[in-house]
Amino acid sequence: MTSAIYALEILSDKRAIQSLVEVAQNDDSFGVRRSATVVLGEVGDITTIPSLEKLERDSPYKTVQKAAKQAIETIRHRTQGHPKAPPITAPK
């Protein structure tokens, strides 16, 4: 499933982004949810911030909450005129 998530990132269209949001919110695997969240940050679509904020606040998985927070920061950084936002890294 993770490969499919990264394939959707390449598309970066509204359908792909909506699919990533749905996966991040609903997939049975916390790892897949986290991966989808990371990709949302990398895509950088500002319209995903409300969904990412909900994930950060409501996800039962700490790794997803952390990834959502970092994705939000990355998107905000990029949209403030800083195209070289720090990459999202995997938790240790």
C-alpha atoms as a PDB file:
ATOM      1  CA  MET A   1       0.000   0.000   0.000  1.00  0.00           C
ATOM      2  CA  THR A   2       2.869   2.405   0.713  1.00  0.00           C
ATOM      3  CA  SER A   3       3.988   2.194  -2.935  1.00  0.00           C
ATOM      4  CA  ALA A   4       0.499   3.186  -4.009  1.00  0.00           C
ATOM      5  CA  ILE A   5       0.620   6.184  -1.689  1.00  0.00           C
ATOM      6  CA  TYR A   6       3.845   7.431  -3.237  1.00  0.00           C
ATOM      7  CA  ALA A   7       2.412   6.858  -6.713  1.00  0.00           C
ATOM      8  CA  LEU A   8      -0.504   9.105  -5.759  1.00  0.00           C
ATOM      9  CA  GLU A   9       1.980  11.761  -4.680  1.00  0.00           C
ATOM     10  CA  ILE A  10       3.351  11.875  -8.212  1.00  0.00           C
ATOM     11  CA  LEU A  11      -0.106  12.612  -9.557  1.00  0.00           C
ATOM     12  CA  SER A  12      -0.673  15.498  -7.113  1.00  0.00           C
ATOM     13  CA  ASP A  13      -4.130  16.168  -8.433  1.00  0.00           C
ATOM     14  CA  LYS A  14      -7.203  16.837  -6.321  1.00  0.00           C
ATOM     15  CA  ARG A  15      -8.469  13.246  -6.594  1.00  0.00           C
ATOM     16  CA  ALA A  16      -5.139  11.864  -5.458  1.00  0.00           C
ATOM     17  CA  ILE A  17      -4.941  14.325  -2.594  1.00  0.00           C
ATOM     18  CA  GLN A  18      -8.458  13.477  -1.448  1.00  0.00           C
ATOM     19  CA  SER A  19      -7.573   9.778  -1.613  1.00  0.00           C
ATOM     20  CA  LEU A  20      -4.495  10.402   0.526  1.00  0.00           C
ATOM     21  CA  VAL A  21      -6.592  12.272   3.097  1.00  0.00           C
ATOM     22  CA  GLU A  22      -9.040   9.374   3.247  1.00  0.00           C
ATOM     23  CA  VAL A  23      -6.210   6.841   3.662  1.00  0.00           C
ATOM     24  CA  ALA A  24      -4.568   8.985   6.365  1.00  0.00           C
ATOM     25  CA  GLN A  25      -7.830   9.141   8.276  1.00  0.00           C
ATOM     26  CA  ASN A  26      -9.256   5.659   7.776  1.00  0.00           C
ATOM     27  CA  ASP A  27      -6.749   2.955   6.845  1.00  0.00           C
ATOM     28  CA  ASP A  28      -6.531  -0.032   9.196  1.00  0.00           C
ATOM     29  CA  SER A  29      -2.739   0.238   9.419  1.00  0.00           C
ATOM     30  CA  PHE A  30      -1.214   3.066  11.437  1.00  0.00           C
ATOM     31  CA  GLY A  31       1.903   2.766   9.254  1.00  0.00           C
ATOM     32  CA  VAL A  32      -0.111   3.386   6.099  1.00  0.00           C
ATOM     33  CA  ARG A  33      -1.899   6.291   7.793  1.00  0.00           C
ATOM     34  CA  ARG A  34       1.449   7.779   8.751  1.00  0.00           C
ATOM     35  CA  SER A  35       2.854   7.303   5.236  1.00  0.00           C
ATOM     36  CA  ALA A  36      -0.177   9.014   3.692  1.00  0.00           C
ATOM     37  CA  THR A  37       0.222  11.883   6.151  1.00  0.00           C
ATOM     38  CA  VAL A  38       3.897  12.290   5.274  1.00  0.00           C
ATOM     39  CA  VAL A  39       3.063  12.350   1.567  1.00  0.00           C
ATOM     40  CA  LEU A  40       0.400  15.021   2.148  1.00  0.00           C
ATOM     41  CA  GLY A  41       3.096  17.210   3.661  1.00  0.00           C
ATOM     42  CA  GLU A  42       5.418  16.544   0.746  1.00  0.00           C
ATOM     43  CA  VAL A  43       2.706  17.366  -1.789  1.00  0.00           C
ATOM     44  CA  GLY A  44       2.247  20.663   0.024  1.00  0.00           C
ATOM     45  CA  ASP A  45      -1.368  21.426  -0.850  1.00  0.00           C
ATOM     46  CA  ILE A  46      -2.514  24.111   1.582  1.00  0.00           C
ATOM     47  CA  THR A  47      -6.112  22.895   1.355  1.00  0.00           C
ATOM     48  CA  THR A  48      -5.117  19.772   3.304  1.00  0.00           C
ATOM     49  CA  ILE A  49      -4.201  21.715   6.443  1.00  0.00           C
ATOM     50  CA  PRO A  50      -7.669  21.357   8.073  1.00  0.00           C
ATOM     51  CA  SER A  51      -7.539  17.576   7.563  1.00  0.00           C
ATOM     52  CA  LEU A  52      -3.973  17.435   8.867  1.00  0.00           C
ATOM     53  CA  GLU A  53      -4.980  19.485  11.917  1.00  0.00           C
ATOM     54  CA  LYS A  54      -7.765  16.995  12.593  1.00  0.00           C
ATOM     55  CA  LEU A  55      -5.274  14.123  12.295  1.00  0.00           C
ATOM     56  CA  GLU A  56      -2.873  15.863  14.651  1.00  0.00           C
ATOM     57  CA  ARG A  57      -5.639  16.417  17.176  1.00  0.00           C
ATOM     58  CA  ASP A  58      -7.720  13.244  16.843  1.00  0.00           C
ATOM     59  CA  SER A  59      -5.602  10.375  15.528  1.00  0.00           C
ATOM     60  CA  PRO A  60      -5.286   7.514  18.007  1.00  0.00           C
ATOM     61  CA  TYR A  61      -1.704   7.007  16.806  1.00  0.00           C
ATOM     62  CA  LYS A  62       1.087   9.243  18.133  1.00  0.00           C
ATOM     63  CA  THR A  63       3.220   8.652  15.029  1.00  0.00           C
ATOM     64  CA  VAL A  64       0.373   9.915  12.836  1.00  0.00           C
ATOM     65  CA  GLN A  65      -0.123  12.935  15.107  1.00  0.00           C
ATOM     66  CA  LYS A  66       3.581  13.740  14.850  1.00  0.00           C
ATOM     67  CA  ALA A  67       3.626  13.288  11.076  1.00  0.00           C
ATOM     68  CA  ALA A  68       0.560  15.542  10.752  1.00  0.00           C
ATOM     69  CA  LYS A  69       2.195  18.263  12.833  1.00  0.00           C
ATOM     70  CA  GLN A  70       5.345  18.103  10.728  1.00  0.00           C
ATOM     71  CA  ALA A  71       3.319  18.083   7.488  1.00  0.00           C
ATOM     72  CA  ILE A  72       1.449  21.210   8.582  1.00  0.00           C
ATOM     73  CA  GLU A  73       4.707  22.964   9.456  1.00  0.00           C
ATOM     74  CA  THR A  74       6.223  21.982   6.108  1.00  0.00           C
ATOM     75  CA  ILE A  75       3.228  23.230   4.131  1.00  0.00           C
ATOM     76  CA  ARG A  76       3.079  26.508   6.051  1.00  0.00           C
ATOM     77  CA  HIS A  77       6.806  27.011   5.627  1.00  0.00           C
ATOM     78  CA  ARG A  78       6.613  26.413   1.883  1.00  0.00           C
ATOM     79  CA  THR A  79       3.606  28.666   1.417  1.00  0.00           C
ATOM     80  CA  GLN A  80       5.369  31.534   3.192  1.00  0.00           C
ATOM     81  CA  GLY A  81       7.843  31.865   0.356  1.00  0.00           C
ATOM     82  CA  HIS A  82      10.335  29.262   1.500  1.00  0.00           C
ATOM     83  CA  PRO A  83      10.404  26.579  -1.195  1.00  0.00           C
ATOM     84  CA  LYS A  84      13.100  24.556   0.584  1.00  0.00           C
ATOM     85  CA  ALA A  85      11.157  23.309   3.578  1.00  0.00           C
ATOM     86  CA  PRO A  86      12.900  20.721   5.701  1.00  0.00           C
ATOM     87  CA  PRO A  87      12.046  17.160   4.634  1.00  0.00           C
ATOM     88  CA  ILE A  88       9.735  15.060   6.732  1.00  0.00           C
ATOM     89  CA  THR A  89      11.727  12.344   8.429  1.00  0.00           C
ATOM     90  CA  ALA A  90      10.668   8.997   9.796  1.00  0.00           C
ATOM     91  CA  PRO A  91      10.344   8.805  13.581  1.00  0.00           C
ATOM     92  CA  LYS A  92      13.154   7.046  15.416  1.00  0.00           C
END
